[in-house]
Amino acid sequence: MKTVILCGSKGTRMREETEFRPKPLVNVGENPIIWHIMKIYSHYGIHDFILCVGYKGDMIKRYFMEMCWRNNDFTVTTGTKADVIYHTTDEGNWNVTIVDTGAETQTGGRIKRIERYINEDDFMLTYTKNNLAQRNLSLFYSKFGVHPWQASFIDFNVINLLEYDGQSDRSILGIGMSCGSTLLQIKNMCRSKGGRNIRIFYLSGQEGNMTELRSVCETCVHAGTGELLHWFGEKLYDYIVVETETDKLGNIQSVFQNLGSLLKEGGQLVCTAANEELAKLIQSSLAKEGLTLTKSHQNYYFCFTKSCMKD
């Protein structure tokens, strides 16, 4: 049976690494993520892989073209009877087909583009994401409070930008397409500092995530940002996390002014901006609601704090 591995996304949640290499080639220990995933599958007798590459796909192609001589001892015979003999073969008998499925192609499109390489009714499909956590599910869940597939969506860059003071009765508002894993970890950070009664609220653009969101949120709604104030405008929040890429929000100025109005004094808002022009637009929109830029990371993640009014 063939295993199809999706390797084409930009991996923006690991931007400090994926700015220079595709996510499948980010090392875990001495070897890249894709190597570990394939080793797990080959342990169970699956050796035939199709990799759907896209973003920086040439680097993945080069990795597999060079894998043998990089990972093994070998003897080279030069001259008219040139030959290479490998003395250590750690990778087994992998059969790897690498297909360029485009840098911006969505999941369904990538699968469609490798259709001609599938000659069986059944095949396996996986992402370059959560596979490495599957070996000890109970330990992982006790550590993070989410299942491994959910943990693949935790954005630790967001978590590390925020400040936590251990106060109780905190409210966290999220806007995006995720299952709420990052917000749950913010809640855990607040609780680790001594905070209690930490509540999560979420405006989701992805109906398919509502079941998971209901398990961690006090209130979650599937709606557009135009309905933000309708559903969440009756209270103020200590943390607001915009998980949606901001260039996809539509009316950016209106959205961020509304978000700024929902933030408590001293509260923090985290978002991303793909370029300087977008970052300036967000900053000016939030400034109208009394928010100032306090932290940034990799010129992509931005944290704003709402000023406290003086008597």
C-alpha atoms as a PDB file:
ATOM      1  CA  MET A   1       0.000   0.000   0.000  1.00  0.00           C
ATOM      2  CA  LYS A   2       1.191   3.494  -0.831  1.00  0.00           C
ATOM      3  CA  THR A   3       1.389   6.314   1.720  1.00  0.00           C
ATOM      4  CA  VAL A   4       0.847   9.868   0.498  1.00  0.00           C
ATOM      5  CA  ILE A   5       2.509  12.558   2.628  1.00  0.00           C
ATOM      6  CA  LEU A   6       1.455  16.191   2.204  1.00  0.00           C
ATOM      7  CA  CYS A   7       4.647  18.259   2.254  1.00  0.00           C
ATOM      8  CA  GLY A   8       3.714  21.415   0.374  1.00  0.00           C
ATOM      9  CA  SER A   9       2.461  23.984   2.883  1.00  0.00           C
ATOM     10  CA  LYS A  10       4.463  26.984   4.062  1.00  0.00           C
ATOM     11  CA  GLY A  11       4.410  25.964   7.732  1.00  0.00           C
ATOM     12  CA  THR A  12       3.786  29.518   8.968  1.00  0.00           C
ATOM     13  CA  ARG A  13       3.421  28.410  12.600  1.00  0.00           C
ATOM     14  CA  MET A  14       7.105  27.446  12.495  1.00  0.00           C
ATOM     15  CA  ARG A  15       8.132  30.523  10.541  1.00  0.00           C
ATOM     16  CA  GLU A  16      11.435  30.975  12.343  1.00  0.00           C
ATOM     17  CA  GLU A  17      12.439  27.619  10.807  1.00  0.00           C
ATOM     18  CA  THR A  18      10.348  27.437   7.638  1.00  0.00           C
ATOM     19  CA  GLU A  19      11.524  30.797   6.359  1.00  0.00           C
ATOM     20  CA  PHE A  20      14.674  28.957   5.285  1.00  0.00           C
ATOM     21  CA  ARG A  21      13.483  25.382   4.657  1.00  0.00           C
ATOM     22  CA  PRO A  22      10.204  23.491   4.176  1.00  0.00           C
ATOM     23  CA  LYS A  23       8.619  22.127   7.337  1.00  0.00           C
ATOM     24  CA  PRO A  24       9.302  18.453   6.423  1.00  0.00           C
ATOM     25  CA  LEU A  25      13.041  19.226   6.565  1.00  0.00           C
ATOM     26  CA  VAL A  26      12.999  20.852  10.023  1.00  0.00           C
ATOM     27  CA  ASN A  27      15.162  18.642  12.209  1.00  0.00           C
ATOM     28  CA  VAL A  28      13.925  16.664  15.189  1.00  0.00           C
ATOM     29  CA  GLY A  29      17.151  15.474  16.732  1.00  0.00           C
ATOM     30  CA  GLU A  30      19.600  14.665  13.961  1.00  0.00           C
ATOM     31  CA  ASN A  31      17.021  13.956  11.244  1.00  0.00           C
ATOM     32  CA  PRO A  32      14.186  15.904   9.607  1.00  0.00           C
ATOM     33  CA  ILE A  33      10.491  15.435  10.407  1.00  0.00           C
ATOM     34  CA  ILE A  34       9.813  13.658   7.106  1.00  0.00           C
ATOM     35  CA  TRP A  35      12.490  11.038   7.893  1.00  0.00           C
ATOM     36  CA  HIS A  36      10.905  10.262  11.266  1.00  0.00           C
ATOM     37  CA  ILE A  37       7.436   9.906   9.731  1.00  0.00           C
ATOM     38  CA  MET A  38       8.679   7.542   7.051  1.00  0.00           C
ATOM     39  CA  LYS A  39      10.616   5.494   9.614  1.00  0.00           C
ATOM     40  CA  ILE A  40       7.419   5.013  11.625  1.00  0.00           C
ATOM     41  CA  TYR A  41       5.515   3.810   8.556  1.00  0.00           C
ATOM     42  CA  SER A  42       8.334   1.539   7.418  1.00  0.00           C
ATOM     43  CA  HIS A  43       8.420  -0.031  10.896  1.00  0.00           C
ATOM     44  CA  TYR A  44       4.950  -1.368  10.098  1.00  0.00           C
ATOM     45  CA  GLY A  45       5.946  -2.636   6.660  1.00  0.00           C
ATOM     46  CA  ILE A  46       4.967   0.357   4.541  1.00  0.00           C
ATOM     47  CA  HIS A  47       7.830   1.419   2.269  1.00  0.00           C
ATOM     48  CA  ASP A  48       6.139   3.038  -0.758  1.00  0.00           C
ATOM     49  CA  PHE A  49       5.724   6.818  -0.394  1.00  0.00           C
ATOM     50  CA  ILE A  50       4.408   9.654  -2.523  1.00  0.00           C
ATOM     51  CA  LEU A  51       5.429  13.123  -1.346  1.00  0.00           C
ATOM     52  CA  CYS A  52       3.267  16.066  -2.422  1.00  0.00           C
ATOM     53  CA  VAL A  53       5.772  18.921  -2.378  1.00  0.00           C
ATOM     54  CA  GLY A  54       5.183  22.614  -2.985  1.00  0.00           C
ATOM     55  CA  TYR A  55       6.826  25.356  -0.908  1.00  0.00           C
ATOM     56  CA  LYS A  56      10.619  24.978  -1.277  1.00  0.00           C
ATOM     57  CA  GLY A  57       9.985  21.566  -2.820  1.00  0.00           C
ATOM     58  CA  ASP A  58      13.365  21.586  -4.546  1.00  0.00           C
ATOM     59  CA  MET A  59      15.026  21.250  -1.143  1.00  0.00           C
ATOM     60  CA  ILE A  60      12.990  18.099  -0.407  1.00  0.00           C
ATOM     61  CA  LYS A  61      13.940  16.673  -3.799  1.00  0.00           C
ATOM     62  CA  ARG A  62      17.597  17.419  -3.119  1.00  0.00           C
ATOM     63  CA  TYR A  63      17.411  15.812   0.336  1.00  0.00           C
ATOM     64  CA  PHE A  64      16.241  12.482  -1.089  1.00  0.00           C
ATOM     65  CA  MET A  65      18.609  12.624  -4.039  1.00  0.00           C
ATOM     66  CA  GLU A  66      21.509  13.044  -1.610  1.00  0.00           C
ATOM     67  CA  MET A  67      20.168  10.813   1.171  1.00  0.00           C
ATOM     68  CA  CYS A  68      22.274   7.747   0.407  1.00  0.00           C
ATOM     69  CA  TRP A  69      25.683   9.380   0.388  1.00  0.00           C
ATOM     70  CA  ARG A  70      24.831  11.697   3.284  1.00  0.00           C
ATOM     71  CA  ASN A  71      23.583   8.966   5.619  1.00  0.00           C
ATOM     72  CA  ASN A  72      25.872   6.048   4.771  1.00  0.00           C
ATOM     73  CA  ASP A  73      29.495   5.020   4.542  1.00  0.00           C
ATOM     74  CA  PHE A  74      30.434   4.185   0.960  1.00  0.00           C
ATOM     75  CA  THR A  75      33.246   3.227  -1.383  1.00  0.00           C
ATOM     76  CA  VAL A  76      33.658   5.001  -4.717  1.00  0.00           C
ATOM     77  CA  THR A  77      35.286   3.323  -7.681  1.00  0.00           C
ATOM     78  CA  THR A  78      36.450   5.814 -10.302  1.00  0.00           C
ATOM     79  CA  GLY A  79      37.548   5.362 -13.884  1.00  0.00           C
ATOM     80  CA  THR A  80      35.804   3.515 -16.699  1.00  0.00           C
ATOM     81  CA  LYS A  81      34.003   1.174 -14.278  1.00  0.00           C
ATOM     82  CA  ALA A  82      32.781   3.844 -11.922  1.00  0.00           C
ATOM     83  CA  ASP A  83      30.648   2.517  -9.094  1.00  0.00           C
ATOM     84  CA  VAL A  84      29.470   3.340  -5.574  1.00  0.00           C
ATOM     85  CA  ILE A  85      29.082   0.676  -2.884  1.00  0.00           C
ATOM     86  CA  TYR A  86      27.204   1.635   0.292  1.00  0.00           C
ATOM     87  CA  HIS A  87      28.327  -0.135   3.459  1.00  0.00           C
ATOM     88  CA  THR A  88      25.594   0.988   5.870  1.00  0.00           C
ATOM     89  CA  THR A  89      21.982   1.184   4.735  1.00  0.00           C
ATOM     90  CA  ASP A  90      19.761   2.601   7.435  1.00  0.00           C
ATOM     91  CA  GLU A  91      16.806   3.640   5.275  1.00  0.00           C
ATOM     92  CA  GLY A  92      15.679   0.166   4.126  1.00  0.00           C
ATOM     93  CA  ASN A  93      13.939  -0.260   0.820  1.00  0.00           C
ATOM     94  CA  TRP A  94      12.008   2.981   0.514  1.00  0.00           C
ATOM     95  CA  ASN A  95      10.393   3.779  -2.806  1.00  0.00           C
ATOM     96  CA  VAL A  96       9.842   7.549  -2.826  1.00  0.00           C
ATOM     97  CA  THR A  97       7.913   9.379  -5.552  1.00  0.00           C
ATOM     98  CA  ILE A  98       8.185  13.171  -5.271  1.00  0.00           C
ATOM     99  CA  VAL A  99       5.538  15.213  -7.068  1.00  0.00           C
ATOM    100  CA  ASP A 100       5.501  19.005  -7.350  1.00  0.00           C
ATOM    101  CA  THR A 101       1.874  19.873  -6.532  1.00  0.00           C
ATOM    102  CA  GLY A 102       2.298  23.665  -6.384  1.00  0.00           C
ATOM    103  CA  ALA A 103       3.153  26.148  -3.654  1.00  0.00           C
ATOM    104  CA  GLU A 104      -0.406  27.455  -3.124  1.00  0.00           C
ATOM    105  CA  THR A 105      -2.441  24.325  -3.871  1.00  0.00           C
ATOM    106  CA  GLN A 106      -4.984  23.221  -1.259  1.00  0.00           C
ATOM    107  CA  THR A 107      -5.181  19.669   0.125  1.00  0.00           C
ATOM    108  CA  GLY A 108      -7.717  18.328  -2.369  1.00  0.00           C
ATOM    109  CA  GLY A 109      -5.790  19.760  -5.281  1.00  0.00           C
ATOM    110  CA  ARG A 110      -2.562  18.137  -4.143  1.00  0.00           C
ATOM    111  CA  ILE A 111      -4.221  14.726  -3.911  1.00  0.00           C
ATOM    112  CA  LYS A 112      -5.763  15.162  -7.359  1.00  0.00           C
ATOM    113  CA  ARG A 113      -2.342  15.903  -8.848  1.00  0.00           C
ATOM    114  CA  ILE A 114      -0.837  12.611  -7.620  1.00  0.00           C
ATOM    115  CA  GLU A 115      -3.827  10.547  -8.796  1.00  0.00           C
ATOM    116  CA  ARG A 116      -1.880   9.045 -11.692  1.00  0.00           C
ATOM    117  CA  TYR A 117       0.662   7.560  -9.284  1.00  0.00           C
ATOM    118  CA  ILE A 118      -2.002   5.648  -7.320  1.00  0.00           C
ATOM    119  CA  ASN A 119      -2.765   2.262  -8.865  1.00  0.00           C
ATOM    120  CA  GLU A 120      -4.697   0.740  -5.961  1.00  0.00           C
ATOM    121  CA  ASP A 121      -8.173   1.313  -4.557  1.00  0.00           C
ATOM    122  CA  ASP A 122      -6.808   2.103  -1.085  1.00  0.00           C
ATOM    123  CA  PHE A 123      -3.919   4.254   0.057  1.00  0.00           C
ATOM    124  CA  MET A 124      -2.843   6.046   3.224  1.00  0.00           C
ATOM    125  CA  LEU A 125      -2.686   9.834   3.571  1.00  0.00           C
ATOM    126  CA  THR A 126      -0.954  11.891   6.238  1.00  0.00           C
ATOM    127  CA  TYR A 127       0.347  15.375   6.951  1.00  0.00           C
ATOM    128  CA  THR A 128       3.837  16.397   8.004  1.00  0.00           C
ATOM    129  CA  LYS A 129       2.460  17.318  11.405  1.00  0.00           C
ATOM    130  CA  ASN A 130       1.512  15.306  14.452  1.00  0.00           C
ATOM    131  CA  ASN A 131       2.764  11.824  13.667  1.00  0.00           C
ATOM    132  CA  LEU A 132       5.737  11.939  16.023  1.00  0.00           C
ATOM    133  CA  ALA A 133       3.483  12.276  19.077  1.00  0.00           C
ATOM    134  CA  GLN A 134       1.450   9.137  18.457  1.00  0.00           C
ATOM    135  CA  ARG A 135       3.645   6.757  20.451  1.00  0.00           C
ATOM    136  CA  ASN A 136       2.629   7.914  23.908  1.00  0.00           C
ATOM    137  CA  LEU A 137      -0.803   9.481  23.706  1.00  0.00           C
ATOM    138  CA  SER A 138      -1.562   9.499  27.437  1.00  0.00           C
ATOM    139  CA  LEU A 139       1.696  11.269  28.332  1.00  0.00           C
ATOM    140  CA  PHE A 140       1.162  13.815  25.584  1.00  0.00           C
ATOM    141  CA  TYR A 141      -2.408  14.538  26.660  1.00  0.00           C
ATOM    142  CA  SER A 142      -1.399  14.948  30.303  1.00  0.00           C
ATOM    143  CA  LYS A 143       1.312  17.419  29.270  1.00  0.00           C
ATOM    144  CA  PHE A 144      -0.658  19.627  26.875  1.00  0.00           C
ATOM    145  CA  GLY A 145      -4.318  18.895  27.569  1.00  0.00           C
ATOM    146  CA  VAL A 146      -4.987  18.188  23.886  1.00  0.00           C
ATOM    147  CA  HIS A 147      -4.560  15.233  21.561  1.00  0.00           C
ATOM    148  CA  PRO A 148      -1.497  15.148  19.284  1.00  0.00           C
ATOM    149  CA  TRP A 149      -3.439  16.046  16.149  1.00  0.00           C
ATOM    150  CA  GLN A 150      -4.735  19.154  17.944  1.00  0.00           C
ATOM    151  CA  ALA A 151      -1.282  20.000  19.281  1.00  0.00           C
ATOM    152  CA  SER A 152       0.025  20.354  15.751  1.00  0.00           C
ATOM    153  CA  PHE A 153      -1.959  23.619  15.681  1.00  0.00           C
ATOM    154  CA  ILE A 154      -0.449  25.108  18.866  1.00  0.00           C
ATOM    155  CA  ASP A 155       1.408  28.285  17.955  1.00  0.00           C
ATOM    156  CA  PHE A 156       4.051  28.729  20.628  1.00  0.00           C
ATOM    157  CA  ASN A 157       5.177  32.005  19.083  1.00  0.00           C
ATOM    158  CA  VAL A 158       1.831  33.477  20.137  1.00  0.00           C
ATOM    159  CA  ILE A 159       2.067  31.954  23.601  1.00  0.00           C
ATOM    160  CA  ASN A 160       5.581  33.286  24.152  1.00  0.00           C
ATOM    161  CA  LEU A 161       4.659  36.849  23.169  1.00  0.00           C
ATOM    162  CA  LEU A 162       2.030  37.210  25.877  1.00  0.00           C
ATOM    163  CA  GLU A 163       2.557  38.176  29.513  1.00  0.00           C
ATOM    164  CA  TYR A 164       0.873  36.176  32.286  1.00  0.00           C
ATOM    165  CA  ASP A 165       0.290  37.631  35.761  1.00  0.00           C
ATOM    166  CA  GLY A 166      -1.582  34.812  37.506  1.00  0.00           C
ATOM    167  CA  GLN A 167      -4.778  36.815  37.990  1.00  0.00           C
ATOM    168  CA  SER A 168      -8.075  34.924  38.084  1.00  0.00           C
ATOM    169  CA  ASP A 169     -11.277  35.519  36.113  1.00  0.00           C
ATOM    170  CA  ARG A 170      -9.528  36.012  32.796  1.00  0.00           C
ATOM    171  CA  SER A 171     -11.268  35.843  29.405  1.00  0.00           C
ATOM    172  CA  ILE A 172      -9.601  34.818  26.130  1.00  0.00           C
ATOM    173  CA  LEU A 173     -11.140  35.572  22.738  1.00  0.00           C
ATOM    174  CA  GLY A 174      -9.933  33.847  19.596  1.00  0.00           C
ATOM    175  CA  ILE A 175     -10.732  34.492  15.943  1.00  0.00           C
ATOM    176  CA  GLY A 176      -9.708  31.995  13.310  1.00  0.00           C
ATOM    177  CA  MET A 177     -10.002  28.559  11.792  1.00  0.00           C
ATOM    178  CA  SER A 178      -8.339  26.351  14.427  1.00  0.00           C
ATOM    179  CA  CYS A 179      -9.637  23.919  17.034  1.00  0.00           C
ATOM    180  CA  GLY A 180      -8.626  26.233  19.903  1.00  0.00           C
ATOM    181  CA  SER A 181      -5.383  24.496  20.904  1.00  0.00           C
ATOM    182  CA  THR A 182      -3.320  27.697  21.162  1.00  0.00           C
ATOM    183  CA  LEU A 183      -5.971  29.379  23.321  1.00  0.00           C
ATOM    184  CA  LEU A 184      -6.126  26.324  25.556  1.00  0.00           C
ATOM    185  CA  GLN A 185      -2.381  26.604  26.136  1.00  0.00           C
ATOM    186  CA  ILE A 186      -2.784  30.298  26.994  1.00  0.00           C
ATOM    187  CA  LYS A 187      -5.351  29.196  29.543  1.00  0.00           C
ATOM    188  CA  ASN A 188      -2.885  26.625  30.886  1.00  0.00           C
ATOM    189  CA  MET A 189      -0.192  29.311  31.169  1.00  0.00           C
ATOM    190  CA  CYS A 190      -2.562  31.504  33.187  1.00  0.00           C
ATOM    191  CA  ARG A 191      -3.398  28.582  35.470  1.00  0.00           C
ATOM    192  CA  SER A 192       0.285  27.692  35.907  1.00  0.00           C
ATOM    193  CA  LYS A 193       0.788  31.208  37.334  1.00  0.00           C
ATOM    194  CA  GLY A 194      -2.031  30.672  39.817  1.00  0.00           C
ATOM    195  CA  GLY A 195      -4.965  32.049  37.827  1.00  0.00           C
ATOM    196  CA  ARG A 196      -8.375  30.409  38.114  1.00  0.00           C
ATOM    197  CA  ASN A 197     -11.644  30.652  36.214  1.00  0.00           C
ATOM    198  CA  ILE A 198      -9.992  31.238  32.839  1.00  0.00           C
ATOM    199  CA  ARG A 199     -12.614  31.196  30.084  1.00  0.00           C
ATOM    200  CA  ILE A 200     -12.214  30.812  26.318  1.00  0.00           C
ATOM    201  CA  PHE A 201     -14.456  32.305  23.625  1.00  0.00           C
ATOM    202  CA  TYR A 202     -14.049  31.710  19.895  1.00  0.00           C
ATOM    203  CA  LEU A 203     -15.352  33.115  16.619  1.00  0.00           C
ATOM    204  CA  SER A 204     -14.677  30.352  14.111  1.00  0.00           C
ATOM    205  CA  GLY A 205     -14.564  30.516  10.351  1.00  0.00           C
ATOM    206  CA  GLN A 206     -14.393  26.717  10.154  1.00  0.00           C
ATOM    207  CA  GLU A 207     -17.611  24.850  10.870  1.00  0.00           C
ATOM    208  CA  GLY A 208     -15.803  21.518  10.943  1.00  0.00           C
ATOM    209  CA  ASN A 209     -13.911  22.512  14.113  1.00  0.00           C
ATOM    210  CA  MET A 210     -16.986  23.329  16.188  1.00  0.00           C
ATOM    211  CA  THR A 211     -17.075  19.972  17.992  1.00  0.00           C
ATOM    212  CA  GLU A 212     -13.511  20.382  19.267  1.00  0.00           C
ATOM    213  CA  LEU A 213     -14.079  24.055  20.105  1.00  0.00           C
ATOM    214  CA  ARG A 214     -17.151  23.258  22.201  1.00  0.00           C
ATOM    215  CA  SER A 215     -14.988  20.988  24.356  1.00  0.00           C
ATOM    216  CA  VAL A 216     -12.680  23.875  25.380  1.00  0.00           C
ATOM    217  CA  CYS A 217     -14.778  27.050  24.992  1.00  0.00           C
ATOM    218  CA  GLU A 218     -17.453  28.625  27.139  1.00  0.00           C
ATOM    219  CA  THR A 219     -18.920  30.094  23.947  1.00  0.00           C
ATOM    220  CA  CYS A 220     -17.970  29.375  20.345  1.00  0.00           C
ATOM    221  CA  VAL A 221     -19.775  30.488  17.219  1.00  0.00           C
ATOM    222  CA  HIS A 222     -19.335  29.725  13.544  1.00  0.00           C
ATOM    223  CA  ALA A 223     -19.718  33.129  11.902  1.00  0.00           C
ATOM    224  CA  GLY A 224     -17.877  35.797   9.953  1.00  0.00           C
ATOM    225  CA  THR A 225     -15.981  38.710  11.485  1.00  0.00           C
ATOM    226  CA  GLY A 226     -18.873  40.987  10.561  1.00  0.00           C
ATOM    227  CA  GLU A 227     -20.840  39.330  13.369  1.00  0.00           C
ATOM    228  CA  LEU A 228     -18.076  39.743  15.959  1.00  0.00           C
ATOM    229  CA  LEU A 229     -19.813  42.424  18.027  1.00  0.00           C
ATOM    230  CA  HIS A 230     -23.174  40.678  17.769  1.00  0.00           C
ATOM    231  CA  TRP A 231     -21.879  37.501  19.393  1.00  0.00           C
ATOM    232  CA  PHE A 232     -19.045  38.749  21.613  1.00  0.00           C
ATOM    233  CA  GLY A 233     -19.668  42.466  22.093  1.00  0.00           C
ATOM    234  CA  GLU A 234     -21.291  42.302  25.521  1.00  0.00           C
ATOM    235  CA  LYS A 235     -18.075  41.777  27.499  1.00  0.00           C
ATOM    236  CA  LEU A 236     -14.395  42.722  27.513  1.00  0.00           C
ATOM    237  CA  TYR A 237     -11.463  40.342  27.169  1.00  0.00           C
ATOM    238  CA  ASP A 238      -7.999  40.070  28.708  1.00  0.00           C
ATOM    239  CA  TYR A 239      -6.426  38.319  25.718  1.00  0.00           C
ATOM    240  CA  ILE A 240      -7.429  38.428  22.064  1.00  0.00           C
ATOM    241  CA  VAL A 241      -5.703  36.142  19.574  1.00  0.00           C
ATOM    242  CA  VAL A 242      -6.265  36.598  15.845  1.00  0.00           C
ATOM    243  CA  GLU A 243      -5.299  33.238  14.369  1.00  0.00           C
ATOM    244  CA  THR A 244      -6.613  34.005  10.888  1.00  0.00           C
ATOM    245  CA  GLU A 245      -3.948  35.435   8.576  1.00  0.00           C
ATOM    246  CA  THR A 246      -4.858  39.096   8.649  1.00  0.00           C
ATOM    247  CA  ASP A 247      -4.731  39.655   4.888  1.00  0.00           C
ATOM    248  CA  LYS A 248      -7.692  37.264   4.643  1.00  0.00           C
ATOM    249  CA  LEU A 249      -9.915  39.110   7.116  1.00  0.00           C
ATOM    250  CA  GLY A 250     -11.552  41.467   4.639  1.00  0.00           C
ATOM    251  CA  ASN A 251     -12.171  44.900   6.183  1.00  0.00           C
ATOM    252  CA  ILE A 252      -9.013  44.955   8.281  1.00  0.00           C
ATOM    253  CA  GLN A 253      -9.452  48.431   9.751  1.00  0.00           C
ATOM    254  CA  SER A 254     -12.992  47.738  10.928  1.00  0.00           C
ATOM    255  CA  VAL A 255     -12.152  44.301  12.308  1.00  0.00           C
ATOM    256  CA  PHE A 256      -9.192  45.525  14.354  1.00  0.00           C
ATOM    257  CA  GLN A 257     -10.991  48.596  15.654  1.00  0.00           C
ATOM    258  CA  ASN A 258     -13.789  46.305  16.838  1.00  0.00           C
ATOM    259  CA  LEU A 259     -11.271  43.965  18.437  1.00  0.00           C
ATOM    260  CA  GLY A 260      -9.521  46.870  20.134  1.00  0.00           C
ATOM    261  CA  SER A 261     -12.832  48.024  21.598  1.00  0.00           C
ATOM    262  CA  LEU A 262     -13.359  44.558  23.123  1.00  0.00           C
ATOM    263  CA  LEU A 263     -10.011  44.502  24.944  1.00  0.00           C
ATOM    264  CA  LYS A 264      -9.777  45.396  28.637  1.00  0.00           C
ATOM    265  CA  GLU A 265      -7.347  48.060  29.812  1.00  0.00           C
ATOM    266  CA  GLY A 266      -3.992  46.356  30.163  1.00  0.00           C
ATOM    267  CA  GLY A 267      -5.192  43.555  27.912  1.00  0.00           C
ATOM    268  CA  GLN A 268      -3.115  42.071  25.095  1.00  0.00           C
ATOM    269  CA  LEU A 269      -3.874  41.313  21.461  1.00  0.00           C
ATOM    270  CA  VAL A 270      -1.705  39.118  19.231  1.00  0.00           C
ATOM    271  CA  CYS A 271      -1.937  38.851  15.461  1.00  0.00           C
ATOM    272  CA  THR A 272       0.237  38.238  12.420  1.00  0.00           C
ATOM    273  CA  ALA A 273       1.088  40.464   9.473  1.00  0.00           C
ATOM    274  CA  ALA A 274       2.716  39.159   6.319  1.00  0.00           C
ATOM    275  CA  ASN A 275       4.307  42.467   5.320  1.00  0.00           C
ATOM    276  CA  GLU A 276       5.229  45.909   6.640  1.00  0.00           C
ATOM    277  CA  GLU A 277       2.319  47.680   4.956  1.00  0.00           C
ATOM    278  CA  LEU A 278      -0.192  45.356   6.598  1.00  0.00           C
ATOM    279  CA  ALA A 279       1.528  45.706   9.985  1.00  0.00           C
ATOM    280  CA  LYS A 280       1.284  49.498   9.791  1.00  0.00           C
ATOM    281  CA  LEU A 281      -2.407  49.311   8.873  1.00  0.00           C
ATOM    282  CA  ILE A 282      -3.126  47.091  11.872  1.00  0.00           C
ATOM    283  CA  GLN A 283      -1.077  49.304  14.184  1.00  0.00           C
ATOM    284  CA  SER A 284      -2.887  52.469  13.097  1.00  0.00           C
ATOM    285  CA  SER A 285      -6.286  50.803  13.439  1.00  0.00           C
ATOM    286  CA  LEU A 286      -5.555  49.591  16.962  1.00  0.00           C
ATOM    287  CA  ALA A 287      -4.043  52.928  17.986  1.00  0.00           C
ATOM    288  CA  LYS A 288      -7.493  54.466  17.611  1.00  0.00           C
ATOM    289  CA  GLU A 289      -8.644  52.178  20.443  1.00  0.00           C
ATOM    290  CA  GLY A 290      -5.660  52.958  22.684  1.00  0.00           C
ATOM    291  CA  LEU A 291      -3.460  49.969  21.803  1.00  0.00           C
ATOM    292  CA  THR A 292       0.289  50.240  21.318  1.00  0.00           C
ATOM    293  CA  LEU A 293       2.766  47.754  19.897  1.00  0.00           C
ATOM    294  CA  THR A 294       4.745  46.194  22.749  1.00  0.00           C
ATOM    295  CA  LYS A 295       6.416  43.134  21.210  1.00  0.00           C
ATOM    296  CA  SER A 296       7.069  41.503  17.875  1.00  0.00           C
ATOM    297  CA  HIS A 297       8.752  38.353  16.620  1.00  0.00           C
ATOM    298  CA  GLN A 298      10.341  37.700  13.235  1.00  0.00           C
ATOM    299  CA  ASN A 299       8.514  40.757  11.834  1.00  0.00           C
ATOM    300  CA  TYR A 300       5.473  38.493  11.546  1.00  0.00           C
ATOM    301  CA  TYR A 301       3.949  38.135  15.028  1.00  0.00           C
ATOM    302  CA  PHE A 302       2.833  41.325  16.778  1.00  0.00           C
ATOM    303  CA  CYS A 303       1.612  41.875  20.325  1.00  0.00           C
ATOM    304  CA  PHE A 304      -0.339  45.012  21.285  1.00  0.00           C
ATOM    305  CA  THR A 305      -1.313  46.202  24.775  1.00  0.00           C
ATOM    306  CA  LYS A 306      -4.215  48.480  25.637  1.00  0.00           C
ATOM    307  CA  SER A 307      -3.205  51.490  27.675  1.00  0.00           C
ATOM    308  CA  CYS A 308      -4.722  51.998  31.108  1.00  0.00           C
ATOM    309  CA  MET A 309      -6.744  55.189  31.447  1.00  0.00           C
ATOM    310  CA  LYS A 310      -5.515  57.605  34.098  1.00  0.00           C
ATOM    311  CA  ASP A 311      -7.931  59.171  36.551  1.00  0.00           C
END
